[in-house]
């Protein structure tokens, strides 16, 4: 009787070891088969370090709130409104959250005659800005632009895919300080 229990216990231990090892191989295989890169975008809150009025030495002004972003510039004492958008979301590209992209849905965009209006062809479509070196008092900002590139995307997903440094956008950054 003792040897039967010993044999049964040994068989059970071998079976458990086999099952444990099998699940280990299966779970490793499953992980590598289904690797996916996730892109997380977040709503901007009024407490976010990005919110506020940012000015460059060249007269550019970026006003960022939890709900809207506008761009303008000052020349010869006069302010010119350029593009604006709402539905803001941010995608950070580092853990410190000092670099990333801001995506907006245009509410005012450029017309073919280089004026800006709420009825421009890109109004209602998505655009992106890149930022880096973010601190509480300074940031480097660039709007999406490349020769022959797109000026907007139909969807947020399209903007996430198109507008990136890797795709050749964001060559020139403005050094801005918070006011």
N, C-alpha and C. Protein backbone atom coordinates (compact mmCIF):
# COMPACT_ATOMS: atom_id res chain seq x y z
N UNK A 1 0.82 -1.19 0.00
CA UNK A 1 0.00 0.00 0.00
C UNK A 1 0.87 1.26 0.00
N UNK A 2 1.97 1.18 0.78
CA UNK A 2 2.86 2.31 0.85
C UNK A 2 3.50 2.59 -0.52
N UNK A 3 3.88 1.54 -1.24
CA UNK A 3 4.50 1.73 -2.55
C UNK A 3 3.49 2.24 -3.57
N UNK A 4 2.22 1.89 -3.43
CA UNK A 4 1.19 2.39 -4.34
C UNK A 4 1.01 3.90 -4.14
N UNK A 5 0.97 4.32 -2.87
CA UNK A 5 0.85 5.75 -2.57
C UNK A 5 2.09 6.49 -3.06
N UNK A 6 3.25 5.90 -2.87
CA UNK A 6 4.50 6.51 -3.33
C UNK A 6 4.51 6.66 -4.85
N UNK A 7 4.07 5.62 -5.56
CA UNK A 7 4.03 5.65 -7.02
C UNK A 7 3.01 6.68 -7.52
N UNK A 8 1.86 6.72 -6.82
CA UNK A 8 0.82 7.69 -7.20
C UNK A 8 1.32 9.11 -6.96
N UNK A 9 1.96 9.34 -5.81
CA UNK A 9 2.49 10.66 -5.49
C UNK A 9 3.56 11.09 -6.48
N UNK A 10 4.40 10.15 -6.84
CA UNK A 10 5.47 10.45 -7.80
C UNK A 10 4.89 10.77 -9.18
N UNK A 11 3.88 10.00 -9.58
CA UNK A 11 3.23 10.25 -10.87
C UNK A 11 2.54 11.62 -10.87
N UNK A 12 1.91 11.94 -9.75
CA UNK A 12 1.23 13.23 -9.62
C UNK A 12 2.25 14.38 -9.68
N UNK A 13 3.37 14.23 -9.01
CA UNK A 13 4.42 15.25 -9.04
C UNK A 13 4.96 15.44 -10.45
N UNK A 14 5.19 14.33 -11.17
CA UNK A 14 5.68 14.42 -12.55
C UNK A 14 4.65 15.11 -13.43
N UNK A 15 3.37 14.77 -13.25
CA UNK A 15 2.30 15.38 -14.04
C UNK A 15 2.24 16.88 -13.78
N UNK A 16 2.32 17.28 -12.50
CA UNK A 16 2.29 18.72 -12.16
C UNK A 16 3.48 19.45 -12.77
N UNK A 17 4.66 18.83 -12.71
CA UNK A 17 5.85 19.43 -13.30
C UNK A 17 5.68 19.59 -14.79
N UNK A 18 5.16 18.58 -15.47
CA UNK A 18 4.93 18.64 -16.91
C UNK A 18 3.94 19.75 -17.26
N UNK A 19 2.84 19.82 -16.52
CA UNK A 19 1.83 20.85 -16.77
C UNK A 19 2.42 22.24 -16.53
N UNK A 20 3.17 22.42 -15.45
CA UNK A 20 3.79 23.71 -15.14
C UNK A 20 4.74 24.14 -16.25
N UNK A 21 5.59 23.22 -16.69
CA UNK A 21 6.55 23.54 -17.76
C UNK A 21 5.81 23.83 -19.06
N UNK A 22 4.77 23.07 -19.37
CA UNK A 22 4.00 23.29 -20.59
C UNK A 22 3.37 24.67 -20.60
N UNK A 23 2.75 25.06 -19.47
CA UNK A 23 2.14 26.39 -19.41
C UNK A 23 3.20 27.48 -19.53
N UNK A 24 4.36 27.25 -18.99
CA UNK A 24 5.46 28.22 -19.13
C UNK A 24 5.82 28.43 -20.58
N UNK A 25 5.94 27.34 -21.36
CA UNK A 25 6.26 27.48 -22.78
C UNK A 25 5.12 28.13 -23.54
N UNK A 26 3.89 27.74 -23.21
CA UNK A 26 2.73 28.31 -23.91
C UNK A 26 2.64 29.81 -23.65
N UNK A 27 2.80 30.22 -22.37
CA UNK A 27 2.66 31.64 -22.07
C UNK A 27 3.78 32.44 -22.72
N UNK A 28 5.00 31.91 -22.77
CA UNK A 28 6.09 32.62 -23.45
C UNK A 28 5.80 32.76 -24.93
N UNK A 29 5.30 31.71 -25.52
CA UNK A 29 5.01 31.74 -26.95
C UNK A 29 3.89 32.74 -27.24
N UNK A 30 2.88 32.77 -26.41
CA UNK A 30 1.77 33.68 -26.62
C UNK A 30 2.23 35.13 -26.51
N UNK A 31 3.08 35.44 -25.54
CA UNK A 31 3.56 36.81 -25.38
C UNK A 31 4.27 37.31 -26.62
N UNK A 32 5.14 36.52 -27.19
CA UNK A 32 5.90 36.98 -28.34
C UNK A 32 5.06 37.01 -29.61
N UNK A 33 4.06 36.15 -29.69
CA UNK A 33 3.21 36.14 -30.89
C UNK A 33 2.35 37.38 -30.99
N UNK A 34 1.96 37.95 -29.86
CA UNK A 34 0.99 39.04 -29.88
C UNK A 34 1.55 40.34 -29.34
N UNK A 35 2.85 40.59 -29.53
CA UNK A 35 3.41 41.86 -29.09
C UNK A 35 2.79 42.99 -29.91
N UNK A 36 2.33 44.01 -29.21
CA UNK A 36 1.70 45.16 -29.85
C UNK A 36 2.21 46.42 -29.18
N UNK A 37 2.48 47.45 -29.97
CA UNK A 37 2.85 48.73 -29.40
C UNK A 37 1.58 49.53 -29.17
N UNK A 38 1.40 49.95 -27.93
CA UNK A 38 0.22 50.74 -27.59
C UNK A 38 0.60 52.22 -27.56
N UNK A 39 -0.29 53.04 -28.04
CA UNK A 39 -0.10 54.48 -28.00
C UNK A 39 -1.18 55.02 -27.08
N UNK A 40 -0.76 55.70 -26.03
CA UNK A 40 -1.71 56.25 -25.07
C UNK A 40 -1.78 57.76 -25.24
N UNK A 41 -2.99 58.27 -25.36
CA UNK A 41 -3.20 59.71 -25.41
C UNK A 41 -4.04 60.10 -24.19
N UNK A 42 -3.78 61.28 -23.67
CA UNK A 42 -4.43 61.74 -22.45
C UNK A 42 -5.06 63.10 -22.66
N UNK A 43 -6.15 63.34 -21.96
CA UNK A 43 -6.75 64.67 -21.93
C UNK A 43 -5.81 65.58 -21.16
N UNK A 44 -5.74 66.81 -21.54
CA UNK A 44 -4.93 67.79 -20.82
C UNK A 44 -5.82 68.45 -19.77
N UNK A 45 -5.33 68.54 -18.56
CA UNK A 45 -6.09 69.22 -17.51
C UNK A 45 -5.53 70.63 -17.34
N UNK A 46 -6.27 71.49 -16.68
CA UNK A 46 -5.80 72.86 -16.44
C UNK A 46 -4.57 72.89 -15.55
N UNK A 47 -4.34 71.84 -14.78
CA UNK A 47 -3.17 71.76 -13.90
C UNK A 47 -1.94 71.25 -14.64
N UNK A 48 -2.09 70.78 -15.86
CA UNK A 48 -0.97 70.25 -16.62
C UNK A 48 0.06 71.34 -16.87
N UNK A 49 1.31 70.98 -16.78
CA UNK A 49 2.40 71.94 -16.97
C UNK A 49 2.38 72.56 -18.38
N UNK A 50 1.74 71.90 -19.34
CA UNK A 50 1.66 72.43 -20.71
C UNK A 50 0.71 73.63 -20.83
N UNK A 51 -0.26 73.73 -19.92
CA UNK A 51 -1.25 74.80 -20.05
C UNK A 51 -0.64 76.15 -19.71
N UNK A 52 -1.10 77.15 -20.40
CA UNK A 52 -0.62 78.51 -20.18
C UNK A 52 -0.33 79.20 -21.49
N UNK A 53 0.28 80.34 -21.39
CA UNK A 53 0.66 81.12 -22.58
C UNK A 53 2.17 81.04 -22.74
N UNK A 54 2.58 80.55 -23.90
CA UNK A 54 4.00 80.36 -24.22
C UNK A 54 4.38 81.31 -25.34
N UNK A 55 5.47 82.07 -25.17
CA UNK A 55 5.90 83.04 -26.18
C UNK A 55 7.34 82.76 -26.58
N UNK A 56 7.57 82.93 -27.89
CA UNK A 56 8.94 82.80 -28.40
C UNK A 56 9.53 84.19 -28.60
N UNK A 57 10.83 84.28 -28.78
CA UNK A 57 11.47 85.57 -29.01
C UNK A 57 11.15 86.10 -30.41
N UNK A 58 10.59 85.25 -31.27
CA UNK A 58 10.22 85.66 -32.64
C UNK A 58 8.79 86.17 -32.72
N UNK A 59 8.08 86.24 -31.58
CA UNK A 59 6.74 86.77 -31.57
C UNK A 59 5.64 85.73 -31.65
N UNK A 60 5.99 84.44 -31.69
CA UNK A 60 4.96 83.40 -31.69
C UNK A 60 4.34 83.28 -30.31
N UNK A 61 3.05 83.00 -30.28
CA UNK A 61 2.33 82.83 -29.02
C UNK A 61 1.49 81.56 -29.13
N UNK A 62 1.67 80.66 -28.18
CA UNK A 62 0.85 79.46 -28.07
C UNK A 62 0.06 79.57 -26.78
N UNK A 63 -1.27 79.56 -26.90
CA UNK A 63 -2.13 79.56 -25.72
C UNK A 63 -2.74 78.16 -25.62
N UNK A 64 -2.45 77.50 -24.50
CA UNK A 64 -2.90 76.12 -24.31
C UNK A 64 -3.72 76.05 -23.04
N UNK A 65 -4.94 75.54 -23.17
CA UNK A 65 -5.79 75.27 -22.01
C UNK A 65 -6.20 73.81 -22.07
N UNK A 66 -7.01 73.39 -21.12
CA UNK A 66 -7.49 72.01 -21.11
C UNK A 66 -8.40 71.72 -22.31
N UNK A 67 -8.97 72.75 -22.90
CA UNK A 67 -9.95 72.53 -23.96
C UNK A 67 -9.58 73.11 -25.31
N UNK A 68 -8.56 73.97 -25.38
CA UNK A 68 -8.25 74.62 -26.66
C UNK A 68 -6.78 75.00 -26.75
N UNK A 69 -6.33 75.13 -27.98
CA UNK A 69 -4.99 75.62 -28.28
C UNK A 69 -5.11 76.63 -29.40
N UNK A 70 -4.41 77.74 -29.28
CA UNK A 70 -4.38 78.71 -30.37
C UNK A 70 -2.95 79.15 -30.60
N UNK A 71 -2.68 79.52 -31.83
CA UNK A 71 -1.38 80.01 -32.23
C UNK A 71 -1.57 81.37 -32.86
N UNK A 72 -0.68 82.28 -32.54
CA UNK A 72 -0.69 83.60 -33.16
C UNK A 72 0.74 84.10 -33.16
N UNK A 73 0.93 85.23 -33.79
CA UNK A 73 2.25 85.85 -33.74
C UNK A 73 2.07 87.36 -33.74
N UNK A 74 3.06 88.02 -33.19
CA UNK A 74 3.05 89.47 -33.10
C UNK A 74 4.15 90.03 -33.98
N UNK A 75 3.78 91.01 -34.79
CA UNK A 75 4.75 91.65 -35.66
C UNK A 75 4.41 93.14 -35.72
N UNK A 76 5.41 93.98 -35.50
CA UNK A 76 5.22 95.44 -35.51
C UNK A 76 4.09 95.88 -34.60
N UNK A 77 3.98 95.24 -33.45
CA UNK A 77 2.97 95.62 -32.47
C UNK A 77 1.57 95.10 -32.75
N UNK A 78 1.38 94.38 -33.84
CA UNK A 78 0.06 93.86 -34.17
C UNK A 78 0.06 92.33 -34.04
N UNK A 79 -1.02 91.77 -33.49
CA UNK A 79 -1.14 90.32 -33.31
C UNK A 79 -1.98 89.72 -34.43
N UNK A 80 -1.47 88.65 -35.02
CA UNK A 80 -2.17 87.94 -36.10
C UNK A 80 -2.52 86.54 -35.62
N UNK A 81 -3.80 86.22 -35.66
CA UNK A 81 -4.25 84.89 -35.27
C UNK A 81 -4.03 83.93 -36.42
N UNK A 82 -3.43 82.79 -36.12
CA UNK A 82 -3.21 81.78 -37.16
C UNK A 82 -4.15 80.61 -36.90
N UNK A 83 -3.65 79.46 -36.54
CA UNK A 83 -4.53 78.31 -36.37
C UNK A 83 -4.97 78.15 -34.92
N UNK A 84 -6.03 77.36 -34.76
CA UNK A 84 -6.55 77.06 -33.42
C UNK A 84 -7.25 75.71 -33.47
N UNK A 85 -7.42 75.12 -32.31
CA UNK A 85 -8.11 73.83 -32.27
C UNK A 85 -8.62 73.50 -30.89
N UNK A 86 -9.48 72.49 -30.86
CA UNK A 86 -10.00 71.99 -29.59
C UNK A 86 -9.81 70.47 -29.57
N UNK A 87 -10.49 69.79 -28.69
CA UNK A 87 -10.38 68.33 -28.53
C UNK A 87 -8.93 67.91 -28.25
N UNK A 88 -8.22 68.71 -27.46
CA UNK A 88 -6.81 68.47 -27.19
C UNK A 88 -6.57 67.14 -26.49
N UNK A 89 -5.54 66.45 -26.97
CA UNK A 89 -5.00 65.29 -26.26
C UNK A 89 -3.49 65.35 -26.37
N UNK A 90 -2.82 64.75 -25.42
CA UNK A 90 -1.35 64.75 -25.41
C UNK A 90 -0.86 63.31 -25.41
N UNK A 91 0.23 63.08 -26.10
CA UNK A 91 0.91 61.78 -26.12
C UNK A 91 2.36 62.03 -25.72
N UNK A 92 2.74 61.52 -24.57
CA UNK A 92 4.12 61.69 -24.10
C UNK A 92 5.02 60.66 -24.75
N UNK A 93 6.25 61.07 -25.03
CA UNK A 93 7.20 60.16 -25.66
C UNK A 93 8.34 59.78 -24.72
N UNK A 94 8.26 60.22 -23.48
CA UNK A 94 9.23 59.78 -22.48
C UNK A 94 8.55 59.70 -21.12
N UNK A 95 9.15 58.95 -20.22
CA UNK A 95 8.55 58.75 -18.89
C UNK A 95 8.51 60.02 -18.07
N UNK A 96 9.47 60.91 -18.27
CA UNK A 96 9.51 62.16 -17.52
C UNK A 96 8.42 63.14 -17.97
N UNK A 97 7.75 62.84 -19.07
CA UNK A 97 6.69 63.68 -19.64
C UNK A 97 7.20 65.08 -19.99
N UNK A 98 8.43 65.14 -20.48
CA UNK A 98 9.00 66.42 -20.91
C UNK A 98 9.04 66.54 -22.43
N UNK A 99 8.53 65.52 -23.13
CA UNK A 99 8.49 65.53 -24.59
C UNK A 99 7.27 64.76 -25.06
N UNK A 100 6.78 65.13 -26.23
CA UNK A 100 5.63 64.42 -26.78
C UNK A 100 4.95 65.20 -27.88
N UNK A 101 3.69 64.88 -28.08
CA UNK A 101 2.88 65.51 -29.13
C UNK A 101 1.56 65.98 -28.53
N UNK A 102 1.08 67.11 -29.04
CA UNK A 102 -0.26 67.60 -28.71
C UNK A 102 -1.06 67.49 -30.00
N UNK A 103 -2.22 66.87 -29.92
CA UNK A 103 -3.11 66.73 -31.08
C UNK A 103 -4.33 67.61 -30.86
N UNK A 104 -4.69 68.33 -31.91
CA UNK A 104 -5.86 69.20 -31.86
C UNK A 104 -6.74 68.94 -33.07
N UNK A 105 -8.00 69.24 -32.91
CA UNK A 105 -8.94 69.23 -34.02
C UNK A 105 -9.11 70.69 -34.42
N UNK A 106 -8.66 71.01 -35.63
CA UNK A 106 -8.68 72.41 -36.08
C UNK A 106 -10.07 73.03 -35.94
N UNK A 107 -10.11 74.23 -35.34
CA UNK A 107 -11.31 75.06 -35.38
C UNK A 107 -11.08 76.28 -36.29
N UNK A 108 -9.79 76.60 -36.50
CA UNK A 108 -9.39 77.65 -37.44
C UNK A 108 -8.11 77.17 -38.11
N UNK A 109 -8.10 77.24 -39.45
CA UNK A 109 -6.95 76.73 -40.19
C UNK A 109 -6.67 77.64 -41.39
N UNK A 110 -5.62 77.28 -42.12
CA UNK A 110 -5.19 78.12 -43.25
C UNK A 110 -6.03 77.85 -44.50
N UNK A 111 -6.40 78.92 -45.16
CA UNK A 111 -7.09 78.86 -46.44
C UNK A 111 -6.06 78.78 -47.57
N UNK A 112 -6.49 78.44 -48.78
CA UNK A 112 -5.56 78.42 -49.91
C UNK A 112 -4.89 79.77 -50.18
N UNK A 113 -5.54 80.88 -49.79
CA UNK A 113 -4.95 82.21 -50.01
C UNK A 113 -4.07 82.66 -48.84
N UNK A 114 -3.71 81.73 -47.95
CA UNK A 114 -2.83 81.97 -46.79
C UNK A 114 -3.45 82.83 -45.70
N UNK A 115 -4.76 83.00 -45.72
CA UNK A 115 -5.47 83.60 -44.59
C UNK A 115 -5.98 82.46 -43.72
N UNK A 116 -6.47 82.80 -42.54
CA UNK A 116 -6.96 81.77 -41.62
C UNK A 116 -8.43 82.01 -41.33
N UNK A 117 -9.21 80.92 -41.30
CA UNK A 117 -10.63 81.05 -40.98
C UNK A 117 -11.19 79.74 -40.44
N UNK A 118 -12.40 79.83 -39.92
CA UNK A 118 -13.11 78.67 -39.38
C UNK A 118 -13.70 77.81 -40.50
N UNK A 119 -13.67 78.30 -41.73
CA UNK A 119 -14.22 77.54 -42.86
C UNK A 119 -13.13 77.02 -43.80
N UNK A 120 -11.89 77.08 -43.37
CA UNK A 120 -10.77 76.60 -44.20
C UNK A 120 -10.91 75.10 -44.45
N UNK A 121 -10.32 74.60 -45.52
CA UNK A 121 -10.44 73.17 -45.86
C UNK A 121 -10.01 72.21 -44.74
N UNK A 122 -9.04 72.60 -43.90
CA UNK A 122 -8.59 71.71 -42.82
C UNK A 122 -9.43 71.82 -41.54
N UNK A 123 -10.32 72.80 -41.46
CA UNK A 123 -11.15 72.95 -40.26
C UNK A 123 -11.93 71.67 -40.01
N UNK A 124 -11.93 71.22 -38.76
CA UNK A 124 -12.61 69.98 -38.39
C UNK A 124 -11.73 68.75 -38.52
N UNK A 125 -10.50 68.92 -39.01
CA UNK A 125 -9.56 67.80 -39.15
C UNK A 125 -8.48 67.91 -38.07
N UNK A 126 -7.65 66.89 -37.96
CA UNK A 126 -6.66 66.79 -36.90
C UNK A 126 -5.27 67.27 -37.32
N UNK A 127 -4.57 67.87 -36.36
CA UNK A 127 -3.24 68.42 -36.55
C UNK A 127 -2.41 68.08 -35.31
N UNK A 128 -1.09 68.21 -35.40
CA UNK A 128 -0.24 67.90 -34.26
C UNK A 128 0.87 68.92 -34.07
N UNK A 129 1.27 69.08 -32.85
CA UNK A 129 2.45 69.85 -32.48
C UNK A 129 3.35 68.93 -31.68
N UNK A 130 4.64 69.15 -31.81
CA UNK A 130 5.62 68.40 -31.03
C UNK A 130 6.19 69.33 -29.98
N UNK A 131 6.48 68.79 -28.80
CA UNK A 131 7.15 69.59 -27.78
C UNK A 131 8.27 68.76 -27.17
N UNK A 132 9.28 69.47 -26.67
CA UNK A 132 10.40 68.81 -25.99
C UNK A 132 11.01 69.80 -25.01
N UNK A 133 11.85 69.29 -24.12
CA UNK A 133 12.52 70.12 -23.11
C UNK A 133 11.53 70.90 -22.24
N UNK A 134 10.40 70.29 -21.92
CA UNK A 134 9.35 70.95 -21.14
C UNK A 134 9.77 71.10 -19.68
N UNK A 135 9.70 72.34 -19.19
CA UNK A 135 9.86 72.63 -17.77
C UNK A 135 8.68 73.50 -17.38
N UNK A 136 8.64 73.93 -16.14
CA UNK A 136 7.53 74.79 -15.71
C UNK A 136 7.62 76.19 -16.33
N UNK A 137 8.78 76.55 -16.87
CA UNK A 137 8.92 77.90 -17.42
C UNK A 137 9.36 77.96 -18.88
N UNK A 138 9.70 76.83 -19.50
CA UNK A 138 10.13 76.87 -20.90
C UNK A 138 9.79 75.57 -21.62
N UNK A 139 9.73 75.67 -22.93
CA UNK A 139 9.44 74.50 -23.77
C UNK A 139 9.87 74.81 -25.21
N UNK A 140 10.22 73.79 -25.95
CA UNK A 140 10.48 73.90 -27.39
C UNK A 140 9.26 73.33 -28.10
N UNK A 141 8.66 74.10 -29.01
CA UNK A 141 7.43 73.70 -29.69
C UNK A 141 7.62 73.78 -31.20
N UNK A 142 7.04 72.81 -31.90
CA UNK A 142 7.06 72.80 -33.36
C UNK A 142 5.71 72.33 -33.88
N UNK A 143 5.16 73.04 -34.85
CA UNK A 143 3.96 72.57 -35.54
C UNK A 143 4.35 71.58 -36.62
N UNK A 144 3.46 70.67 -36.95
CA UNK A 144 3.74 69.65 -37.97
C UNK A 144 3.88 70.30 -39.34
N UNK A 145 5.03 70.10 -39.95
CA UNK A 145 5.26 70.58 -41.31
C UNK A 145 6.40 69.79 -41.93
N UNK A 146 6.20 69.43 -43.20
CA UNK A 146 7.31 68.93 -44.03
C UNK A 146 6.93 69.19 -45.48
N UNK A 147 7.91 69.46 -46.30
CA UNK A 147 7.68 69.71 -47.71
C UNK A 147 6.99 68.49 -48.32
N UNK A 148 5.86 68.73 -48.96
CA UNK A 148 5.09 67.65 -49.57
C UNK A 148 4.29 66.83 -48.58
N UNK A 149 4.31 67.21 -47.30
CA UNK A 149 3.58 66.47 -46.27
C UNK A 149 2.13 66.92 -46.16
N UNK A 150 1.41 66.23 -45.32
CA UNK A 150 0.01 66.55 -45.08
C UNK A 150 -0.11 67.74 -44.13
N UNK A 151 -1.21 68.44 -44.24
CA UNK A 151 -1.49 69.56 -43.34
C UNK A 151 -2.52 69.19 -42.29
N UNK A 152 -3.16 68.04 -42.45
CA UNK A 152 -4.14 67.57 -41.48
C UNK A 152 -4.43 66.10 -41.74
N UNK A 153 -5.17 65.50 -40.82
CA UNK A 153 -5.62 64.12 -40.97
C UNK A 153 -7.11 64.07 -40.65
N UNK A 154 -7.81 63.17 -41.28
CA UNK A 154 -9.26 63.06 -41.07
C UNK A 154 -9.63 62.64 -39.65
N UNK A 155 -8.79 61.80 -39.04
CA UNK A 155 -9.09 61.25 -37.72
C UNK A 155 -7.89 61.43 -36.79
N UNK A 156 -8.14 61.27 -35.50
CA UNK A 156 -7.05 61.31 -34.53
C UNK A 156 -6.08 60.17 -34.81
N UNK A 157 -6.58 59.00 -35.14
CA UNK A 157 -5.72 57.86 -35.46
C UNK A 157 -4.82 58.17 -36.65
N UNK A 158 -5.36 58.85 -37.63
CA UNK A 158 -4.57 59.26 -38.80
C UNK A 158 -3.48 60.24 -38.41
N UNK A 159 -3.80 61.18 -37.52
CA UNK A 159 -2.80 62.14 -37.05
C UNK A 159 -1.71 61.43 -36.24
N UNK A 160 -2.09 60.46 -35.43
CA UNK A 160 -1.11 59.69 -34.66
C UNK A 160 -0.13 58.97 -35.58
N UNK A 161 -0.64 58.44 -36.67
CA UNK A 161 0.21 57.72 -37.63
C UNK A 161 1.09 58.66 -38.46
N UNK A 162 0.53 59.77 -38.90
CA UNK A 162 1.22 60.64 -39.86
C UNK A 162 2.23 61.58 -39.22
N UNK A 163 1.79 62.31 -38.21
CA UNK A 163 2.60 63.41 -37.69
C UNK A 163 3.58 62.92 -36.62
N UNK A 164 4.80 62.68 -37.04
CA UNK A 164 5.85 62.26 -36.09
C UNK A 164 7.20 62.74 -36.59
N UNK A 165 8.13 62.81 -35.67
CA UNK A 165 9.51 63.16 -36.03
C UNK A 165 10.06 62.11 -36.99
N UNK A 166 9.73 60.85 -36.73
CA UNK A 166 10.21 59.75 -37.58
C UNK A 166 9.71 59.86 -39.02
N UNK A 167 8.56 60.48 -39.22
CA UNK A 167 8.01 60.66 -40.57
C UNK A 167 8.48 61.96 -41.23
N UNK A 168 9.43 62.65 -40.62
CA UNK A 168 10.01 63.84 -41.25
C UNK A 168 9.36 65.16 -40.90
N UNK A 169 8.42 65.16 -39.96
CA UNK A 169 7.80 66.41 -39.52
C UNK A 169 8.62 66.99 -38.36
N UNK A 170 8.37 68.24 -38.01
CA UNK A 170 8.93 68.88 -36.82
C UNK A 170 10.44 69.09 -36.91
N UNK A 171 10.88 69.71 -37.98
CA UNK A 171 12.31 70.02 -38.13
C UNK A 171 12.74 71.25 -37.34
N UNK A 172 11.84 72.21 -37.18
CA UNK A 172 12.21 73.48 -36.60
C UNK A 172 11.36 73.76 -35.34
N UNK A 173 12.04 73.97 -34.23
CA UNK A 173 11.35 74.24 -32.95
C UNK A 173 11.53 75.69 -32.53
N UNK A 174 10.51 76.25 -31.93
CA UNK A 174 10.58 77.59 -31.34
C UNK A 174 10.83 77.42 -29.85
N UNK A 175 11.78 78.18 -29.35
CA UNK A 175 12.08 78.15 -27.91
C UNK A 175 11.11 79.13 -27.25
N UNK A 176 10.28 78.63 -26.38
CA UNK A 176 9.24 79.46 -25.78
C UNK A 176 9.38 79.51 -24.26
N UNK A 177 8.95 80.63 -23.69
CA UNK A 177 8.91 80.78 -22.24
C UNK A 177 7.47 81.05 -21.83
N UNK A 178 7.15 80.64 -20.61
CA UNK A 178 5.78 80.81 -20.10
C UNK A 178 5.58 82.23 -19.58
N UNK A 179 4.44 82.81 -19.93
CA UNK A 179 4.09 84.16 -19.46
C UNK A 179 2.86 84.10 -18.61
